[in-house]
N, C-alpha and C. Protein backbone atom coordinates (compact mmCIF):
# COMPACT_ATOMS: atom_id res chain seq x y z
N UNK A 1 -6.95 -0.64 6.88
CA UNK A 1 -6.49 -1.65 5.95
C UNK A 1 -5.04 -1.41 5.56
N UNK A 2 -4.52 -0.23 5.76
CA UNK A 2 -3.15 0.08 5.39
C UNK A 2 -2.12 -0.56 6.30
N UNK A 3 -2.56 -1.07 7.48
CA UNK A 3 -1.63 -1.67 8.43
C UNK A 3 -1.44 -3.17 8.19
N UNK A 4 -2.17 -3.73 7.26
CA UNK A 4 -2.05 -5.17 7.04
C UNK A 4 -0.76 -5.49 6.30
N UNK A 5 -0.30 -6.72 6.49
CA UNK A 5 0.92 -7.19 5.84
C UNK A 5 0.53 -7.73 4.47
N UNK A 6 1.10 -7.16 3.44
CA UNK A 6 0.78 -7.58 2.08
C UNK A 6 1.94 -8.41 1.52
N UNK A 7 1.61 -9.22 0.56
CA UNK A 7 2.64 -10.03 -0.08
C UNK A 7 2.83 -11.34 0.66
N UNK A 8 3.84 -12.05 0.21
CA UNK A 8 4.10 -13.36 0.81
C UNK A 8 5.10 -13.22 1.95
N UNK A 9 4.72 -13.73 3.09
CA UNK A 9 5.59 -13.77 4.25
C UNK A 9 5.72 -15.23 4.65
N UNK A 10 6.94 -15.70 4.73
CA UNK A 10 7.13 -17.11 5.08
C UNK A 10 6.79 -17.33 6.56
N UNK A 11 6.48 -18.55 6.86
CA UNK A 11 6.16 -18.90 8.24
C UNK A 11 7.37 -18.65 9.13
N UNK A 12 8.55 -18.96 8.62
CA UNK A 12 9.79 -18.76 9.38
C UNK A 12 9.98 -17.29 9.75
N UNK A 13 9.79 -16.41 8.79
CA UNK A 13 9.96 -14.97 9.03
C UNK A 13 8.91 -14.49 10.03
N UNK A 14 7.70 -14.96 9.90
CA UNK A 14 6.63 -14.57 10.81
C UNK A 14 6.94 -15.00 12.25
N UNK A 15 7.38 -16.24 12.43
CA UNK A 15 7.71 -16.73 13.77
C UNK A 15 8.88 -15.94 14.35
N UNK A 16 9.90 -15.69 13.54
CA UNK A 16 11.05 -14.92 14.02
C UNK A 16 10.62 -13.51 14.44
N UNK A 17 9.77 -12.90 13.66
CA UNK A 17 9.27 -11.57 14.00
C UNK A 17 8.50 -11.60 15.32
N UNK A 18 7.64 -12.59 15.49
CA UNK A 18 6.85 -12.71 16.71
C UNK A 18 7.74 -12.91 17.94
N UNK A 19 8.77 -13.73 17.80
CA UNK A 19 9.68 -13.96 18.92
C UNK A 19 10.45 -12.68 19.27
N UNK A 20 10.88 -11.95 18.25
CA UNK A 20 11.58 -10.70 18.48
C UNK A 20 10.67 -9.70 19.18
N UNK A 21 9.45 -9.59 18.72
CA UNK A 21 8.49 -8.67 19.32
C UNK A 21 8.16 -9.07 20.76
N UNK A 22 8.03 -10.35 21.00
CA UNK A 22 7.77 -10.84 22.35
C UNK A 22 8.92 -10.47 23.28
N UNK A 23 10.15 -10.68 22.83
CA UNK A 23 11.31 -10.33 23.65
C UNK A 23 11.35 -8.83 23.93
N UNK A 24 11.02 -8.03 22.93
CA UNK A 24 11.02 -6.58 23.09
C UNK A 24 9.98 -6.14 24.12
N UNK A 25 8.79 -6.69 24.00
CA UNK A 25 7.70 -6.30 24.91
C UNK A 25 7.94 -6.80 26.33
N UNK A 26 8.40 -8.01 26.47
CA UNK A 26 8.62 -8.58 27.80
C UNK A 26 9.85 -7.96 28.47
N UNK A 27 10.76 -7.40 27.69
CA UNK A 27 11.97 -6.81 28.23
C UNK A 27 11.70 -5.61 29.12
N UNK A 28 10.56 -5.00 29.00
CA UNK A 28 10.22 -3.82 29.79
C UNK A 28 9.73 -4.13 31.19
N UNK A 29 9.46 -5.40 31.47
CA UNK A 29 8.94 -5.79 32.77
C UNK A 29 10.07 -6.26 33.68
N UNK A 30 9.80 -6.23 34.97
CA UNK A 30 10.76 -6.70 35.96
C UNK A 30 11.09 -8.17 35.70
N UNK A 31 12.37 -8.50 35.69
CA UNK A 31 12.81 -9.87 35.37
C UNK A 31 12.37 -10.88 36.42
N UNK A 32 11.98 -10.41 37.59
CA UNK A 32 11.55 -11.34 38.64
C UNK A 32 10.12 -11.84 38.43
N UNK A 33 9.36 -11.19 37.58
CA UNK A 33 7.99 -11.61 37.31
C UNK A 33 7.97 -12.83 36.41
N UNK A 34 6.92 -13.62 36.55
CA UNK A 34 6.76 -14.78 35.67
C UNK A 34 6.48 -14.29 34.25
N UNK A 35 7.02 -15.00 33.30
CA UNK A 35 6.83 -14.64 31.89
C UNK A 35 6.34 -15.87 31.13
N UNK A 36 5.62 -15.65 30.04
CA UNK A 36 5.20 -16.80 29.22
C UNK A 36 6.44 -17.49 28.65
N UNK A 37 6.48 -18.79 28.77
CA UNK A 37 7.65 -19.53 28.26
C UNK A 37 7.28 -20.65 27.30
N UNK A 38 6.10 -21.21 27.44
CA UNK A 38 5.74 -22.39 26.64
C UNK A 38 5.68 -22.09 25.15
N UNK A 39 4.92 -21.10 24.77
CA UNK A 39 4.75 -20.80 23.34
C UNK A 39 6.07 -20.31 22.71
N UNK A 40 6.82 -19.41 23.36
CA UNK A 40 8.11 -19.04 22.77
C UNK A 40 9.05 -20.23 22.59
N UNK A 41 9.07 -21.14 23.54
CA UNK A 41 9.92 -22.34 23.41
C UNK A 41 9.46 -23.21 22.25
N UNK A 42 8.15 -23.40 22.15
CA UNK A 42 7.63 -24.22 21.04
C UNK A 42 7.93 -23.57 19.69
N UNK A 43 7.83 -22.25 19.63
CA UNK A 43 8.13 -21.54 18.38
C UNK A 43 9.61 -21.69 18.01
N UNK A 44 10.50 -21.55 18.99
CA UNK A 44 11.94 -21.72 18.71
C UNK A 44 12.24 -23.16 18.28
N UNK A 45 11.55 -24.12 18.91
CA UNK A 45 11.72 -25.52 18.53
C UNK A 45 11.25 -25.76 17.10
N UNK A 46 10.12 -25.17 16.74
CA UNK A 46 9.58 -25.33 15.38
C UNK A 46 10.52 -24.73 14.33
N UNK A 47 11.22 -23.65 14.68
CA UNK A 47 12.14 -23.02 13.73
C UNK A 47 13.25 -23.97 13.28
N UNK A 48 13.58 -24.93 14.13
CA UNK A 48 14.62 -25.91 13.76
C UNK A 48 14.21 -26.76 12.56
N UNK A 49 12.91 -26.92 12.36
CA UNK A 49 12.42 -27.81 11.31
C UNK A 49 11.87 -27.08 10.09
N UNK A 50 11.90 -25.76 10.13
CA UNK A 50 11.39 -24.97 9.00
C UNK A 50 12.58 -24.53 8.16
N UNK A 51 12.48 -24.77 6.87
CA UNK A 51 13.57 -24.42 5.95
C UNK A 51 13.85 -22.92 5.97
N UNK A 52 15.12 -22.61 5.79
CA UNK A 52 15.53 -21.19 5.75
C UNK A 52 15.25 -20.61 4.39
C-alpha cells in the first residue's frame, strides 16, 4: 500500500508522466522494431485540450 499515489494528481500530470515513462521504457529497444503509437498519439492530442 505504500507504493500507491496519494493526494490529488491532475489528469494532465498523470498523462505527462505516462508518456515520459513510455518513452523511457521504449527507448531501450532497437529503433527498428515496431512500437505502440496510437495511444501515445491520442494522449498527446488530449493534452492540447486539458488545462494547464
